[in-house]
Every structure is written in C-alpha cells, then in structure tokens.
C-alpha cells in the first residue's frame, strides 16, 4: 500500500526492498539491456580483470532502486527524478537491500513532493549504490 502524505516525516526511513539477483536474472537483464560485458556472466573473464566473481549490472541495481521508490509511492505517485552512482560491487545470489531516508517534505507548484537519500547496500551494509530522488505523492 502506498504511503500517504500525512504519514511522511523528514528523517523517516522508507520500508526496505530486498533483492537477491540470480545469475539467470543477470542473463535476462543482459538480453533486455544489451549489456553483454563478460564481467556479468563469465567468471573466468571477470576474475581475469581482477574481480573475485561476476558482478551485478549497475543499471540493474539502478532499476531495483526505481522499483523501491515506486513500491513506496504507489501508482498514484510519480518519480520526478532519481539517480545513483556505482560505488561498489554486488554479486549474484547475495542479498541486495534498497533503503532510503526522507530528507525534505514540501509543496511546490501544487504538488506534494519528497526528497530522499536512497541507496542499495550489500550484505555487509556497505552502500554500493548511493543516490537521491524526488517523488510526488498522490495525484
């Protein structure tokens, strides 16, 4: 169920979204996105570049953050803007957790807006995908 305007307070945490991308999901993402760089599916190649294993696509982690925002605001809300940067590696079959904190709640031009710090983190709690977002609540 979507969050309501009255429930939101600055500093509050957004309910987490947990993902556990499989190697099959990486293959599907590669097919859909056209990102066939071998570090995402060929372990020998990935290790040869200095990685310890194949890694999750950065853009897939970005998509998880988009899902996280949409789940919170629901179909009546809108993601006005969001972005993230890729600051660490995430690996298939490891839990990837999307989190967020409300940094500002305000009205502008008749819209109920919320700014957020958002991020994805690995099982050790390292923010591997820090970002930001602005969402509109309700219609």
C-alpha atoms as a PDB file:
ATOM      1  CA  UNK A   1       0.000   0.000   0.000  1.00  0.00           C
ATOM      2  CA  UNK A   2       1.302   3.430  -0.955  1.00  0.00           C
ATOM      3  CA  UNK A   3       2.462   5.894   1.634  1.00  0.00           C
ATOM      4  CA  UNK A   4       0.163   8.841   2.337  1.00  0.00           C
ATOM      5  CA  UNK A   5       1.267  12.464   2.605  1.00  0.00           C
ATOM      6  CA  UNK A   6       0.304  12.621   6.283  1.00  0.00           C
ATOM      7  CA  UNK A   7       2.464   9.595   7.144  1.00  0.00           C
ATOM      8  CA  UNK A   8       5.656  11.167   5.820  1.00  0.00           C
ATOM      9  CA  UNK A   9       8.076  12.978   8.109  1.00  0.00           C
ATOM     10  CA  UNK A  10      11.545  14.304   7.421  1.00  0.00           C
ATOM     11  CA  UNK A  11      14.151  11.841   8.654  1.00  0.00           C
ATOM     12  CA  UNK A  12      11.885   8.806   8.361  1.00  0.00           C
ATOM     13  CA  UNK A  13      13.112   5.606   6.771  1.00  0.00           C
ATOM     14  CA  UNK A  14      11.393   4.129   3.750  1.00  0.00           C
ATOM     15  CA  UNK A  15      10.497   0.413   4.013  1.00  0.00           C
ATOM     16  CA  UNK A  16      13.345  -1.657   2.617  1.00  0.00           C
ATOM     17  CA  UNK A  17      13.228  -3.657  -0.594  1.00  0.00           C
ATOM     18  CA  UNK A  18      15.349  -6.802  -0.556  1.00  0.00           C
ATOM     19  CA  UNK A  19      16.506  -8.386  -3.786  1.00  0.00           C
ATOM     20  CA  UNK A  20      18.628 -11.459  -4.439  1.00  0.00           C
ATOM     21  CA  UNK A  21      19.629 -11.311  -8.105  1.00  0.00           C
ATOM     22  CA  UNK A  22      20.433 -14.695  -9.587  1.00  0.00           C
ATOM     23  CA  UNK A  23      22.757 -15.450 -12.469  1.00  0.00           C
ATOM     24  CA  UNK A  24      19.633 -16.137 -14.521  1.00  0.00           C
ATOM     25  CA  UNK A  25      18.377 -12.613 -13.776  1.00  0.00           C
ATOM     26  CA  UNK A  26      21.725 -11.227 -14.938  1.00  0.00           C
ATOM     27  CA  UNK A  27      21.350 -13.087 -18.237  1.00  0.00           C
ATOM     28  CA  UNK A  28      17.805 -11.766 -18.668  1.00  0.00           C
ATOM     29  CA  UNK A  29      18.967  -8.235 -17.835  1.00  0.00           C
ATOM     30  CA  UNK A  30      21.830  -8.513 -20.334  1.00  0.00           C
ATOM     31  CA  UNK A  31      19.369  -9.565 -23.021  1.00  0.00           C
ATOM     32  CA  UNK A  32      16.943  -6.754 -22.208  1.00  0.00           C
ATOM     33  CA  UNK A  33      19.547  -4.031 -21.798  1.00  0.00           C
ATOM     34  CA  UNK A  34      22.083  -5.123 -24.394  1.00  0.00           C
ATOM     35  CA  UNK A  35      24.875  -5.036 -21.777  1.00  0.00           C
ATOM     36  CA  UNK A  36      26.795  -8.200 -22.580  1.00  0.00           C
ATOM     37  CA  UNK A  37      30.068  -7.211 -20.921  1.00  0.00           C
ATOM     38  CA  UNK A  38      31.591 -10.510 -19.811  1.00  0.00           C
ATOM     39  CA  UNK A  39      32.118  -9.412 -16.183  1.00  0.00           C
ATOM     40  CA  UNK A  40      28.392 -10.042 -15.732  1.00  0.00           C
ATOM     41  CA  UNK A  41      28.308 -13.680 -16.883  1.00  0.00           C
ATOM     42  CA  UNK A  42      31.796 -15.157 -17.473  1.00  0.00           C
ATOM     43  CA  UNK A  43      33.525 -15.886 -14.157  1.00  0.00           C
ATOM     44  CA  UNK A  44      36.918 -16.641 -15.716  1.00  0.00           C
ATOM     45  CA  UNK A  45      36.815 -13.350 -17.605  1.00  0.00           C
ATOM     46  CA  UNK A  46      35.676 -11.439 -14.506  1.00  0.00           C
ATOM     47  CA  UNK A  47      38.455 -12.956 -12.379  1.00  0.00           C
ATOM     48  CA  UNK A  48      40.939 -12.149 -15.151  1.00  0.00           C
ATOM     49  CA  UNK A  49      40.028  -8.458 -14.790  1.00  0.00           C
ATOM     50  CA  UNK A  50      40.737  -8.558 -11.055  1.00  0.00           C
ATOM     51  CA  UNK A  51      37.218  -9.194  -9.772  1.00  0.00           C
ATOM     52  CA  UNK A  52      36.501 -12.038  -7.369  1.00  0.00           C
ATOM     53  CA  UNK A  53      33.384 -13.177  -9.256  1.00  0.00           C
ATOM     54  CA  UNK A  54      30.860 -11.997 -11.838  1.00  0.00           C
ATOM     55  CA  UNK A  55      29.058  -8.841 -10.742  1.00  0.00           C
ATOM     56  CA  UNK A  56      25.528  -7.473 -10.885  1.00  0.00           C
ATOM     57  CA  UNK A  57      24.951  -4.847 -13.588  1.00  0.00           C
ATOM     58  CA  UNK A  58      24.980  -1.307 -12.220  1.00  0.00           C
ATOM     59  CA  UNK A  59      21.914  -0.455 -14.268  1.00  0.00           C
ATOM     60  CA  UNK A  60      20.044  -3.405 -12.737  1.00  0.00           C
ATOM     61  CA  UNK A  61      20.780  -2.032  -9.274  1.00  0.00           C
ATOM     62  CA  UNK A  62      19.507   1.343 -10.531  1.00  0.00           C
ATOM     63  CA  UNK A  63      16.303  -0.405 -11.654  1.00  0.00           C
ATOM     64  CA  UNK A  64      15.928  -2.006  -8.220  1.00  0.00           C
ATOM     65  CA  UNK A  65      16.072   1.482  -6.686  1.00  0.00           C
ATOM     66  CA  UNK A  66      13.356   2.607  -9.106  1.00  0.00           C
ATOM     67  CA  UNK A  67      11.198  -0.336  -8.033  1.00  0.00           C
ATOM     68  CA  UNK A  68      11.881   0.556  -4.391  1.00  0.00           C
ATOM     69  CA  UNK A  69      10.617   4.123  -4.941  1.00  0.00           C
ATOM     70  CA  UNK A  70       7.580   3.013  -6.932  1.00  0.00           C
ATOM     71  CA  UNK A  71       6.617   0.452  -4.303  1.00  0.00           C
ATOM     72  CA  UNK A  72       6.649   3.216  -1.676  1.00  0.00           C
ATOM     73  CA  UNK A  73       4.682   5.872  -3.572  1.00  0.00           C
ATOM     74  CA  UNK A  74       2.294   3.537  -5.408  1.00  0.00           C
ATOM     75  CA  UNK A  75       0.560   4.002  -8.734  1.00  0.00           C
ATOM     76  CA  UNK A  76      -0.817   7.441  -7.868  1.00  0.00           C
ATOM     77  CA  UNK A  77       2.628   8.872  -7.080  1.00  0.00           C
ATOM     78  CA  UNK A  78       5.324   9.799  -9.578  1.00  0.00           C
ATOM     79  CA  UNK A  79       9.091   9.586  -9.546  1.00  0.00           C
ATOM     80  CA  UNK A  80      10.067  13.115 -10.595  1.00  0.00           C
ATOM     81  CA  UNK A  81      13.803  12.442 -10.646  1.00  0.00           C
ATOM     82  CA  UNK A  82      16.305   9.994  -9.311  1.00  0.00           C
ATOM     83  CA  UNK A  83      19.817   8.869  -9.887  1.00  0.00           C
ATOM     84  CA  UNK A  84      22.577   6.855  -8.338  1.00  0.00           C
ATOM     85  CA  UNK A  85      26.263   6.156  -8.697  1.00  0.00           C
ATOM     86  CA  UNK A  86      28.034   2.828  -8.682  1.00  0.00           C
ATOM     87  CA  UNK A  87      30.473   2.734  -5.770  1.00  0.00           C
ATOM     88  CA  UNK A  88      30.895  -0.966  -5.110  1.00  0.00           C
ATOM     89  CA  UNK A  89      30.430  -4.432  -6.490  1.00  0.00           C
ATOM     90  CA  UNK A  90      27.459  -6.661  -5.782  1.00  0.00           C
ATOM     91  CA  UNK A  91      27.404 -10.349  -6.558  1.00  0.00           C
ATOM     92  CA  UNK A  92      24.705 -12.730  -7.752  1.00  0.00           C
ATOM     93  CA  UNK A  93      22.886 -14.731  -5.085  1.00  0.00           C
ATOM     94  CA  UNK A  94      23.844 -12.175  -2.406  1.00  0.00           C
ATOM     95  CA  UNK A  95      21.121 -10.095  -0.813  1.00  0.00           C
ATOM     96  CA  UNK A  96      20.966  -6.531  -2.126  1.00  0.00           C
ATOM     97  CA  UNK A  97      18.903  -4.161   0.032  1.00  0.00           C
ATOM     98  CA  UNK A  98      17.376  -0.892  -1.174  1.00  0.00           C
ATOM     99  CA  UNK A  99      16.976   1.715   1.560  1.00  0.00           C
ATOM    100  CA  UNK A 100      16.064   5.354   1.829  1.00  0.00           C
ATOM    101  CA  UNK A 101      15.553   8.295   4.135  1.00  0.00           C
ATOM    102  CA  UNK A 102      13.286  11.304   3.648  1.00  0.00           C
ATOM    103  CA  UNK A 103      15.412  14.456   3.598  1.00  0.00           C
ATOM    104  CA  UNK A 104      12.726  17.023   2.751  1.00  0.00           C
ATOM    105  CA  UNK A 105       8.913  17.186   2.557  1.00  0.00           C
ATOM    106  CA  UNK A 106       7.399  20.207   0.809  1.00  0.00           C
ATOM    107  CA  UNK A 107       4.781  21.544  -1.568  1.00  0.00           C
ATOM    108  CA  UNK A 108       5.710  23.283  -4.790  1.00  0.00           C
ATOM    109  CA  UNK A 109       3.507  24.367  -7.685  1.00  0.00           C
ATOM    110  CA  UNK A 110       0.578  22.444  -6.230  1.00  0.00           C
ATOM    111  CA  UNK A 111       2.498  19.178  -5.878  1.00  0.00           C
ATOM    112  CA  UNK A 112       3.301  17.286  -2.685  1.00  0.00           C
ATOM    113  CA  UNK A 113       6.998  16.480  -3.049  1.00  0.00           C
ATOM    114  CA  UNK A 114       9.503  14.450  -1.086  1.00  0.00           C
ATOM    115  CA  UNK A 115      13.286  14.433  -1.496  1.00  0.00           C
ATOM    116  CA  UNK A 116      15.107  11.317  -0.424  1.00  0.00           C
ATOM    117  CA  UNK A 117      18.569   9.927   0.040  1.00  0.00           C
ATOM    118  CA  UNK A 118      18.396   6.417  -1.407  1.00  0.00           C
ATOM    119  CA  UNK A 119      20.920   3.625  -1.697  1.00  0.00           C
ATOM    120  CA  UNK A 120      21.497  -0.050  -2.246  1.00  0.00           C
ATOM    121  CA  UNK A 121      23.740  -1.963   0.075  1.00  0.00           C
ATOM    122  CA  UNK A 122      25.451  -5.332   0.176  1.00  0.00           C
ATOM    123  CA  UNK A 123      25.098  -7.944   2.947  1.00  0.00           C
ATOM    124  CA  UNK A 124      27.881  -6.250   4.936  1.00  0.00           C
ATOM    125  CA  UNK A 125      25.926  -2.976   4.985  1.00  0.00           C
ATOM    126  CA  UNK A 126      28.211  -1.110   2.546  1.00  0.00           C
ATOM    127  CA  UNK A 127      26.386   1.429   0.375  1.00  0.00           C
ATOM    128  CA  UNK A 128      27.346   0.230  -3.085  1.00  0.00           C
ATOM    129  CA  UNK A 129      24.802   2.339  -4.960  1.00  0.00           C
ATOM    130  CA  UNK A 130      24.203   5.724  -3.283  1.00  0.00           C
ATOM    131  CA  UNK A 131      21.669   8.056  -4.819  1.00  0.00           C
ATOM    132  CA  UNK A 132      18.927  10.623  -4.463  1.00  0.00           C
ATOM    133  CA  UNK A 133      15.342  11.061  -5.573  1.00  0.00           C
ATOM    134  CA  UNK A 134      12.403  13.425  -5.680  1.00  0.00           C
ATOM    135  CA  UNK A 135       8.927  11.909  -5.733  1.00  0.00           C
ATOM    136  CA  UNK A 136       5.408  13.292  -5.937  1.00  0.00           C
ATOM    137  CA  UNK A 137       2.913  11.831  -3.514  1.00  0.00           C
ATOM    138  CA  UNK A 138      -0.632  11.175  -4.745  1.00  0.00           C
ATOM    139  CA  UNK A 139      -2.269  12.611  -7.841  1.00  0.00           C
END
